C-alpha atoms as a PDB file:
ATOM      1  CA  UNK A   1     -51.507-134.469  32.998  1.00  0.00           C
ATOM      2  CA  UNK A   2     -52.615-131.809  30.519  1.00  0.00           C
ATOM      3  CA  UNK A   3     -51.098-132.216  27.067  1.00  0.00           C
ATOM      4  CA  UNK A   4     -48.900-135.133  28.124  1.00  0.00           C
ATOM      5  CA  UNK A   5     -46.714-136.378  25.259  1.00  0.00           C
ATOM      6  CA  UNK A   6     -47.462-139.792  23.775  1.00  0.00           C
ATOM      7  CA  UNK A   7     -45.102-142.639  24.608  1.00  0.00           C
ATOM      8  CA  UNK A   8     -42.503-143.057  21.831  1.00  0.00           C
ATOM      9  CA  UNK A   9     -43.064-146.229  19.799  1.00  0.00           C
ATOM     10  CA  UNK A  10     -39.937-148.338  19.292  1.00  0.00           C
ATOM     11  CA  UNK A  11     -39.445-151.224  16.882  1.00  0.00           C
ATOM     12  CA  UNK A  12     -39.607-154.720  18.443  1.00  0.00           C
ATOM     13  CA  UNK A  13     -36.755-155.227  20.943  1.00  0.00           C
ATOM     14  CA  UNK A  14     -36.051-158.903  21.520  1.00  0.00           C
ATOM     15  CA  UNK A  15     -34.184-159.540  24.756  1.00  0.00           C
ATOM     16  CA  UNK A  16     -34.719-156.028  26.097  1.00  0.00           C
ATOM     17  CA  UNK A  17     -36.779-155.004  29.119  1.00  0.00           C
ATOM     18  CA  UNK A  18     -38.338-151.626  29.905  1.00  0.00           C
ATOM     19  CA  UNK A  19     -36.822-150.402  33.175  1.00  0.00           C
ATOM     20  CA  UNK A  20     -38.244-146.881  33.388  1.00  0.00           C
ATOM     21  CA  UNK A  21     -40.943-144.620  32.004  1.00  0.00           C
ATOM     22  CA  UNK A  22     -41.452-141.004  32.996  1.00  0.00           C
ATOM     23  CA  UNK A  23     -43.209-137.802  32.006  1.00  0.00           C
ATOM     24  CA  UNK A  24     -41.444-134.591  32.975  1.00  0.00           C
ATOM     25  CA  UNK A  25     -41.978-130.879  32.600  1.00  0.00           C
ATOM     26  CA  UNK A  26     -38.496-129.866  31.496  1.00  0.00           C
ATOM     27  CA  UNK A  27     -39.065-126.151  31.169  1.00  0.00           C
ATOM     28  CA  UNK A  28     -41.693-123.474  31.610  1.00  0.00           C
ATOM     29  CA  UNK A  29     -41.299-119.815  30.845  1.00  0.00           C
ATOM     30  CA  UNK A  30     -44.488-117.788  30.766  1.00  0.00           C
ATOM     31  CA  UNK A  31     -46.873-119.576  28.424  1.00  0.00           C
ATOM     32  CA  UNK A  32     -44.198-121.808  26.882  1.00  0.00           C
ATOM     33  CA  UNK A  33     -44.008-125.321  28.330  1.00  0.00           C
ATOM     34  CA  UNK A  34     -41.688-128.162  27.308  1.00  0.00           C
ATOM     35  CA  UNK A  35     -42.671-131.701  28.357  1.00  0.00           C
ATOM     36  CA  UNK A  36     -41.008-135.030  27.660  1.00  0.00           C
ATOM     37  CA  UNK A  37     -42.209-138.627  27.840  1.00  0.00           C
ATOM     38  CA  UNK A  38     -39.290-141.047  28.145  1.00  0.00           C
ATOM     39  CA  UNK A  39     -38.921-144.819  28.116  1.00  0.00           C
ATOM     40  CA  UNK A  40     -35.664-146.585  29.047  1.00  0.00           C
ATOM     41  CA  UNK A  41     -34.742-150.168  28.139  1.00  0.00           C
ATOM     42  CA  UNK A  42     -31.856-152.438  29.171  1.00  0.00           C
ATOM     43  CA  UNK A  43     -30.460-155.462  27.362  1.00  0.00           C
ATOM     44  CA  UNK A  44     -31.690-158.267  29.623  1.00  0.00           C
ATOM     45  CA  UNK A  45     -30.007-160.926  27.462  1.00  0.00           C
ATOM     46  CA  UNK A  46     -26.570-159.385  28.020  1.00  0.00           C
ATOM     47  CA  UNK A  47     -27.268-158.863  31.732  1.00  0.00           C
ATOM     48  CA  UNK A  48     -28.150-162.557  32.071  1.00  0.00           C
ATOM     49  CA  UNK A  49     -25.178-163.734  30.016  1.00  0.00           C
ATOM     50  CA  UNK A  50     -22.601-161.709  31.963  1.00  0.00           C
ATOM     51  CA  UNK A  51     -23.233-162.029  35.702  1.00  0.00           C
ATOM     52  CA  UNK A  52     -21.358-159.394  37.702  1.00  0.00           C
ATOM     53  CA  UNK A  53     -21.653-158.185  41.271  1.00  0.00           C
ATOM     54  CA  UNK A  54     -22.820-154.705  40.245  1.00  0.00           C
ATOM     55  CA  UNK A  55     -25.178-153.275  37.640  1.00  0.00           C
ATOM     56  CA  UNK A  56     -22.452-153.563  35.045  1.00  0.00           C
ATOM     57  CA  UNK A  57     -21.897-151.898  31.694  1.00  0.00           C
ATOM     58  CA  UNK A  58     -25.198-153.054  30.369  1.00  0.00           C
ATOM     59  CA  UNK A  59     -26.430-151.731  27.126  1.00  0.00           C
ATOM     60  CA  UNK A  60     -29.281-149.351  27.533  1.00  0.00           C
ATOM     61  CA  UNK A  61     -31.335-147.262  25.196  1.00  0.00           C
ATOM     62  CA  UNK A  62     -33.975-144.620  25.626  1.00  0.00           C
ATOM     63  CA  UNK A  63     -36.496-142.712  23.573  1.00  0.00           C
ATOM     64  CA  UNK A  64     -38.193-139.440  24.495  1.00  0.00           C
ATOM     65  CA  UNK A  65     -40.969-137.492  22.840  1.00  0.00           C
ATOM     66  CA  UNK A  66     -40.496-133.778  23.485  1.00  0.00           C
ATOM     67  CA  UNK A  67     -43.499-131.476  23.077  1.00  0.00           C
ATOM     68  CA  UNK A  68     -43.321-127.667  23.083  1.00  0.00           C
ATOM     69  CA  UNK A  69     -46.557-125.759  23.778  1.00  0.00           C
ATOM     70  CA  UNK A  70     -47.786-123.586  22.334  1.00  0.00           C
ATOM     71  CA  UNK A  71     -46.649-125.230  19.125  1.00  0.00           C
ATOM     72  CA  UNK A  72     -43.495-123.635  17.789  1.00  0.00           C
ATOM     73  CA  UNK A  73     -42.521-123.679  14.102  1.00  0.00           C
ATOM     74  CA  UNK A  74     -39.686-126.127  13.414  1.00  0.00           C
ATOM     75  CA  UNK A  75     -36.365-124.566  12.498  1.00  0.00           C
ATOM     76  CA  UNK A  76     -32.702-125.478  12.377  1.00  0.00           C
ATOM     77  CA  UNK A  77     -32.073-123.091  15.312  1.00  0.00           C
ATOM     78  CA  UNK A  78     -34.758-124.772  17.461  1.00  0.00           C
ATOM     79  CA  UNK A  79     -33.371-128.219  16.603  1.00  0.00           C
ATOM     80  CA  UNK A  80     -29.878-127.078  17.646  1.00  0.00           C
ATOM     81  CA  UNK A  81     -31.246-125.671  20.913  1.00  0.00           C
ATOM     82  CA  UNK A  82     -32.989-128.978  21.684  1.00  0.00           C
ATOM     83  CA  UNK A  83     -29.822-130.899  20.728  1.00  0.00           C
ATOM     84  CA  UNK A  84     -27.656-128.743  22.997  1.00  0.00           C
ATOM     85  CA  UNK A  85     -29.925-129.318  25.995  1.00  0.00           C
ATOM     86  CA  UNK A  86     -30.358-133.026  25.196  1.00  0.00           C
ATOM     87  CA  UNK A  87     -26.585-133.621  25.116  1.00  0.00           C
ATOM     88  CA  UNK A  88     -26.325-132.300  28.671  1.00  0.00           C
ATOM     89  CA  UNK A  89     -29.120-134.685  29.645  1.00  0.00           C
ATOM     90  CA  UNK A  90     -27.381-137.674  28.054  1.00  0.00           C
ATOM     91  CA  UNK A  91     -24.085-136.857  29.754  1.00  0.00           C
ATOM     92  CA  UNK A  92     -25.903-136.715  33.106  1.00  0.00           C
ATOM     93  CA  UNK A  93     -27.683-140.034  32.383  1.00  0.00           C
ATOM     94  CA  UNK A  94     -24.329-141.664  31.528  1.00  0.00           C
ATOM     95  CA  UNK A  95     -22.707-140.435  34.761  1.00  0.00           C
ATOM     96  CA  UNK A  96     -25.691-141.726  36.761  1.00  0.00           C
ATOM     97  CA  UNK A  97     -25.179-145.164  35.170  1.00  0.00           C
ATOM     98  CA  UNK A  98     -21.488-145.223  36.155  1.00  0.00           C
ATOM     99  CA  UNK A  99     -19.876-144.062  32.919  1.00  0.00           C
ATOM    100  CA  UNK A 100     -16.873-141.738  33.203  1.00  0.00           C
ATOM    101  CA  UNK A 101     -14.397-139.937  30.917  1.00  0.00           C
ATOM    102  CA  UNK A 102     -17.379-138.929  28.768  1.00  0.00           C
ATOM    103  CA  UNK A 103     -16.137-137.135  25.686  1.00  0.00           C
ATOM    104  CA  UNK A 104     -18.090-135.897  22.665  1.00  0.00           C
ATOM    105  CA  UNK A 105     -16.265-137.184  19.595  1.00  0.00           C
ATOM    106  CA  UNK A 106     -18.383-136.195  16.626  1.00  0.00           C
ATOM    107  CA  UNK A 107     -21.732-135.480  15.061  1.00  0.00           C
ATOM    108  CA  UNK A 108     -23.507-136.152  11.799  1.00  0.00           C
ATOM    109  CA  UNK A 109     -26.920-136.360  10.218  1.00  0.00           C
ATOM    110  CA  UNK A 110     -28.721-139.644   9.673  1.00  0.00           C
ATOM    111  CA  UNK A 111     -31.663-140.418   7.394  1.00  0.00           C
ATOM    112  CA  UNK A 112     -34.588-141.695   9.477  1.00  0.00           C
ATOM    113  CA  UNK A 113     -38.213-142.517   8.774  1.00  0.00           C
ATOM    114  CA  UNK A 114     -39.868-139.227   7.937  1.00  0.00           C
ATOM    115  CA  UNK A 115     -36.771-137.046   7.872  1.00  0.00           C
ATOM    116  CA  UNK A 116     -33.323-136.532   9.230  1.00  0.00           C
ATOM    117  CA  UNK A 117     -31.782-136.839  12.712  1.00  0.00           C
ATOM    118  CA  UNK A 118     -28.873-134.951  14.197  1.00  0.00           C
ATOM    119  CA  UNK A 119     -26.668-137.608  15.848  1.00  0.00           C
ATOM    120  CA  UNK A 120     -23.923-136.981  18.428  1.00  0.00           C
ATOM    121  CA  UNK A 121     -21.348-139.649  19.339  1.00  0.00           C
ATOM    122  CA  UNK A 122     -19.496-140.013  22.643  1.00  0.00           C
ATOM    123  CA  UNK A 123     -16.603-142.094  23.929  1.00  0.00           C
ATOM    124  CA  UNK A 124     -16.755-143.099  27.582  1.00  0.00           C
ATOM    125  CA  UNK A 125     -15.377-145.582  30.079  1.00  0.00           C
ATOM    126  CA  UNK A 126     -17.152-147.819  32.553  1.00  0.00           C
ATOM    127  CA  UNK A 127     -15.910-150.342  35.116  1.00  0.00           C
ATOM    128  CA  UNK A 128     -17.448-153.548  36.396  1.00  0.00           C
ATOM    129  CA  UNK A 129     -16.021-156.204  38.691  1.00  0.00           C
ATOM    130  CA  UNK A 130     -12.505-154.821  38.336  1.00  0.00           C
ATOM    131  CA  UNK A 131     -12.620-154.628  34.522  1.00  0.00           C
ATOM    132  CA  UNK A 132     -12.334-151.326  32.685  1.00  0.00           C
ATOM    133  CA  UNK A 133     -14.328-151.071  29.461  1.00  0.00           C
ATOM    134  CA  UNK A 134     -14.382-148.537  26.654  1.00  0.00           C
ATOM    135  CA  UNK A 135     -17.918-147.596  25.644  1.00  0.00           C
ATOM    136  CA  UNK A 136     -19.773-145.759  22.894  1.00  0.00           C
ATOM    137  CA  UNK A 137     -22.854-143.614  23.400  1.00  0.00           C
ATOM    138  CA  UNK A 138     -25.110-141.894  20.893  1.00  0.00           C
ATOM    139  CA  UNK A 139     -27.868-139.300  20.991  1.00  0.00           C
ATOM    140  CA  UNK A 140     -30.177-138.521  18.067  1.00  0.00           C
ATOM    141  CA  UNK A 141     -32.580-135.578  17.833  1.00  0.00           C
ATOM    142  CA  UNK A 142     -35.276-135.847  15.174  1.00  0.00           C
ATOM    143  CA  UNK A 143     -37.876-133.133  14.495  1.00  0.00           C
ATOM    144  CA  UNK A 144     -41.199-134.832  13.661  1.00  0.00           C
ATOM    145  CA  UNK A 145     -44.579-133.145  13.114  1.00  0.00           C
ATOM    146  CA  UNK A 146     -43.993-130.215  15.464  1.00  0.00           C
ATOM    147  CA  UNK A 147     -42.376-132.390  18.148  1.00  0.00           C
ATOM    148  CA  UNK A 148     -38.941-133.885  18.725  1.00  0.00           C
ATOM    149  CA  UNK A 149     -37.892-137.499  19.183  1.00  0.00           C
ATOM    150  CA  UNK A 150     -34.742-137.945  21.251  1.00  0.00           C
ATOM    151  CA  UNK A 151     -33.259-141.416  20.969  1.00  0.00           C
ATOM    152  CA  UNK A 152     -29.993-142.828  22.204  1.00  0.00           C
ATOM    153  CA  UNK A 153     -28.123-145.206  24.372  1.00  0.00           C
ATOM    154  CA  UNK A 154     -24.756-146.669  25.260  1.00  0.00           C
ATOM    155  CA  UNK A 155     -22.958-149.980  25.074  1.00  0.00           C
ATOM    156  CA  UNK A 156     -19.564-151.441  26.004  1.00  0.00           C
ATOM    157  CA  UNK A 157     -17.174-151.449  23.035  1.00  0.00           C
ATOM    158  CA  UNK A 158     -14.108-153.316  24.325  1.00  0.00           C
ATOM    159  CA  UNK A 159     -12.250-154.546  27.379  1.00  0.00           C
ATOM    160  CA  UNK A 160      -9.387-152.194  28.262  1.00  0.00           C
ATOM    161  CA  UNK A 161      -7.895-153.768  31.395  1.00  0.00           C
ATOM    162  CA  UNK A 162      -8.681-155.779  34.504  1.00  0.00           C
ATOM    163  CA  UNK A 163      -9.376-159.163  36.065  1.00  0.00           C
ATOM    164  CA  UNK A 164      -8.685-161.692  33.305  1.00  0.00           C
ATOM    165  CA  UNK A 165     -11.455-164.160  34.183  1.00  0.00           C
ATOM    166  CA  UNK A 166     -14.196-161.507  34.072  1.00  0.00           C
ATOM    167  CA  UNK A 167     -12.519-159.818  31.083  1.00  0.00           C
ATOM    168  CA  UNK A 168     -12.639-163.077  29.095  1.00  0.00           C
ATOM    169  CA  UNK A 169     -16.398-163.433  29.682  1.00  0.00           C
ATOM    170  CA  UNK A 170     -16.952-159.800  28.705  1.00  0.00           C
ATOM    171  CA  UNK A 171     -14.836-160.122  25.541  1.00  0.00           C
ATOM    172  CA  UNK A 172     -17.049-162.993  24.397  1.00  0.00           C
ATOM    173  CA  UNK A 173     -20.262-161.079  25.113  1.00  0.00           C
ATOM    174  CA  UNK A 174     -19.330-157.697  23.630  1.00  0.00           C
ATOM    175  CA  UNK A 175     -20.217-157.210  19.964  1.00  0.00           C
ATOM    176  CA  UNK A 176     -19.844-153.465  19.277  1.00  0.00           C
ATOM    177  CA  UNK A 177     -20.757-153.623  15.587  1.00  0.00           C
ATOM    178  CA  UNK A 178     -24.026-155.434  16.317  1.00  0.00           C
ATOM    179  CA  UNK A 179     -24.717-153.207  19.337  1.00  0.00           C
ATOM    180  CA  UNK A 180     -24.229-150.072  17.226  1.00  0.00           C
ATOM    181  CA  UNK A 181     -26.341-151.345  14.342  1.00  0.00           C
ATOM    182  CA  UNK A 182     -29.206-152.309  16.670  1.00  0.00           C
ATOM    183  CA  UNK A 183     -29.120-148.877  18.333  1.00  0.00           C
ATOM    184  CA  UNK A 184     -29.128-147.142  14.953  1.00  0.00           C
ATOM    185  CA  UNK A 185     -32.061-149.313  13.830  1.00  0.00           C
ATOM    186  CA  UNK A 186     -34.021-148.010  16.830  1.00  0.00           C
ATOM    187  CA  UNK A 187     -32.975-144.426  16.013  1.00  0.00           C
ATOM    188  CA  UNK A 188     -34.127-144.866  12.397  1.00  0.00           C
ATOM    189  CA  UNK A 189     -37.480-146.446  13.284  1.00  0.00           C
ATOM    190  CA  UNK A 190     -38.692-144.803  16.509  1.00  0.00           C
ATOM    191  CA  UNK A 191     -42.029-143.009  16.141  1.00  0.00           C
END
């Protein structure tokens, strides 16, 4: 593919497995083309530890490199445009993975290698084997060298209600502080 974006480079991810990689033309208008290269990972350790009959609320994360051609000067307005479109993409990805009640709850900036990322936080819900879970999801957009890195993911935060046997196993496996910190480490270090 002509001018295909490079695969984003993530820090080492112990216990994670790559489940998808894609290159997509997101937009073309006249001479302007926007392409993205995306990798998606799931927490295989958590999936193995908590056996359920469905795909479950497994932690996942993704990283995309977004390239605009011809090269466009970076600006706050362009970053906000990319962020706006990326949030719609994350919400769609969450729904596809079974998350519901997706609600944007805040945004902030975060210092990352080589600059600053715009980070959006979401609350959501997900159900597995008759157990309802609250979940957190994040999306970060980082302008880097004339391109954008989009990084994010979601993880279960706490058991809300449901079958007590499955809920007990999930309560033991869910560690939202560690999950959040690991996701933010990826956001800070993706290249």
